[in-house]
């Protein structure tokens, strides 16, 4: 099964077009290699999905033949790690009210 189809059917990414775009942007890797949308996925593959604020790593347990229920979708993979990145940006040291004026 294609990785973009697997990501949609497993409900990791809700739309196949979004899964395809994620592959095209290099956000999906399979066993350490960048994956194109048509890359075939099989059981025991390790897949990493990297969003700007999250990194999900999982092992493929089963590849479905067709559409699957919400309950079965969860049994298609095993999450190895799910990390949220805290992208805290430093605030300005001085606000506009505190900046010295030109007098």
Protein backbone atom coordinates (compact mmCIF):
# COMPACT_ATOMS: atom_id res chain seq x y z
CA UNK A 1 0.00 0.00 0.00
CA UNK A 2 1.18 3.53 -0.75
CA UNK A 3 2.33 5.56 2.28
CA UNK A 4 -0.11 8.39 1.51
CA UNK A 5 -3.01 5.91 1.50
CA UNK A 6 -1.78 4.27 4.71
CA UNK A 7 -1.53 7.61 6.53
CA UNK A 8 -5.11 8.44 5.53
CA UNK A 9 -6.62 5.02 6.30
CA UNK A 10 -4.85 4.82 9.66
CA UNK A 11 -6.17 8.32 10.41
CA UNK A 12 -2.73 9.71 11.19
CA UNK A 13 -3.38 12.35 8.52
CA UNK A 14 -7.05 13.01 7.76
CA UNK A 15 -6.85 13.64 4.00
CA UNK A 16 -4.89 11.76 1.37
CA UNK A 17 -4.00 15.01 -0.39
CA UNK A 18 -2.52 16.35 2.86
CA UNK A 19 -0.53 13.09 3.25
CA UNK A 20 0.73 13.43 -0.33
CA UNK A 21 1.82 17.04 0.29
CA UNK A 22 3.57 16.02 3.52
CA UNK A 23 5.57 13.44 1.55
CA UNK A 24 6.40 15.97 -1.16
CA UNK A 25 7.66 18.40 1.49
CA UNK A 26 9.94 15.79 3.06
CA UNK A 27 7.97 15.49 6.29
CA UNK A 28 7.64 11.68 6.03
CA UNK A 29 10.48 9.19 6.37
CA UNK A 30 10.34 5.40 6.24
CA UNK A 31 13.21 3.55 7.91
CA UNK A 32 15.33 6.71 7.81
CA UNK A 33 14.75 7.53 4.12
CA UNK A 34 12.59 10.31 2.75
CA UNK A 35 9.36 8.86 1.34
CA UNK A 36 7.52 9.89 -1.79
CA UNK A 37 3.70 9.50 -1.81
CA UNK A 38 3.87 6.28 -3.85
CA UNK A 39 6.40 4.57 -1.58
CA UNK A 40 5.10 1.14 -0.60
CA UNK A 41 4.71 0.58 3.13
CA UNK A 42 4.78 -2.86 4.75
CA UNK A 43 4.45 -4.33 8.22
CA UNK A 44 7.45 -3.66 10.49
CA UNK A 45 8.38 -0.41 8.68
CA UNK A 46 9.31 2.47 11.00
CA UNK A 47 7.66 5.70 9.85
CA UNK A 48 8.37 9.22 11.12
CA UNK A 49 6.02 12.13 10.48
CA UNK A 50 7.42 15.56 11.32
CA UNK A 51 5.06 18.49 11.61
CA UNK A 52 6.40 21.94 12.58
CA UNK A 53 5.28 21.43 16.20
CA UNK A 54 5.17 17.64 16.54
CA UNK A 55 7.17 14.51 15.71
CA UNK A 56 5.42 11.13 15.52
CA UNK A 57 7.35 7.88 15.14
CA UNK A 58 5.48 4.61 14.73
CA UNK A 59 5.86 1.02 13.57
CA UNK A 60 3.46 -0.32 10.95
CA UNK A 61 1.75 -3.44 12.33
CA UNK A 62 -0.70 -4.21 9.53
CA UNK A 63 -1.55 -2.90 6.07
CA UNK A 64 -5.30 -2.90 5.37
CA UNK A 65 -6.85 -4.10 2.11
CA UNK A 66 -9.53 -1.42 2.01
CA UNK A 67 -11.19 1.18 4.19
CA UNK A 68 -11.11 0.51 7.93
CA UNK A 69 -13.21 1.52 10.91
CA UNK A 70 -11.98 4.06 13.43
CA UNK A 71 -11.37 1.29 15.98
CA UNK A 72 -9.38 -0.86 13.54
CA UNK A 73 -7.35 2.15 12.37
CA UNK A 74 -5.69 2.32 15.79
CA UNK A 75 -4.53 -1.30 15.47
CA UNK A 76 -2.64 -0.65 12.22
CA UNK A 77 0.35 0.95 13.97
CA UNK A 78 2.20 1.17 17.28
CA UNK A 79 3.43 4.58 18.44
CA UNK A 80 7.12 4.52 19.37
CA UNK A 81 7.36 8.22 20.25
CA UNK A 82 5.12 11.26 20.04
CA UNK A 83 6.92 14.48 20.86
CA UNK A 84 5.47 17.96 21.00
CA UNK A 85 7.99 20.69 20.37
CA UNK A 86 7.71 23.80 22.50
CA UNK A 87 8.54 26.49 20.02
CA UNK A 88 8.74 29.36 22.46
CA UNK A 89 10.05 32.50 20.89
CA UNK A 90 11.81 35.00 23.11
CA UNK A 91 9.81 38.16 23.62
CA UNK A 92 11.28 41.57 22.91
CA UNK A 93 13.33 42.79 25.81
CA UNK A 94 11.63 46.14 25.70
CA UNK A 95 8.09 46.86 24.65
CA UNK A 96 7.28 49.93 22.57
CA UNK A 97 6.26 51.80 25.76
CA UNK A 98 9.62 51.12 27.42
CA UNK A 99 11.84 52.12 24.49
CA UNK A 100 13.66 55.43 24.94
CA UNK A 101 12.27 58.32 22.99
CA UNK A 102 14.33 60.73 20.90
CA UNK A 103 14.19 63.97 22.89
